[in-house]
């Protein structure tokens, strides 16, 4: 019997001209049978910190007053063996030569998305991929990503990739947690230091993961997997 997983995907600083040099794509994945339990546990953490169950967790909402709340979310992730995180870091978008490789920035974006996802897939498991609805181009992203995954050299079958679906992040706590972690990795790698609280949370992630969150980990690392893409 095939194991089934849900993958929640998001990105930060991925636009070509957004005044951030480092782009981060990332995902959290979890066995499908654990998703209801984990989403419920995150809602309970919200309530513990006097937040509404519908409060949307986002990196850009991190503040000194909510530091303990976000710290507990980070610890929750590292204490639960079922949740995994992967981030792909493109260190400097400004040096990309899309003309040389006969591609657009969008083409490059999807190549990176593929590289981010491919190591998560296992031949004897099935995966449901969920993307946050961000704008009118979200449906195009679903179609393009499905096309790339299904026509790749790896030949991912419909048994492996069951579906790619758009969802609303405010309805799914695990997608919100993905935003938090990707935001932290992007903040660190873009060398921001404006917020002491955000730096404290990043240091908490470094300590719990035992990684710098800037360098490539072993490909088989399943809890906090980082890939730093290198420009050829």
Foldseek 3Di string as FASTA:
>chain_A
DAFEKEKFKDWDPLDLPPPFFKIKIKIKMFGPVCQVVVLVVLLVLCVVLVHHSLDFAAQVPDDPSCLVSLLVLLVVLLVDPGMAMEMEMALGSPPDDCVVVVHDSVVVVLVSVCVRPVLVFDPRHAYEYEYEDDDPCVVVVQVVNVVCVCPDPVNDDCRHYVGYYYDHRSVGRNNSSNNNVNVLLSCVSSPHDPDPSSVVSNVSNCVSVVHNSADADPSPDTHYGYHYDDDD
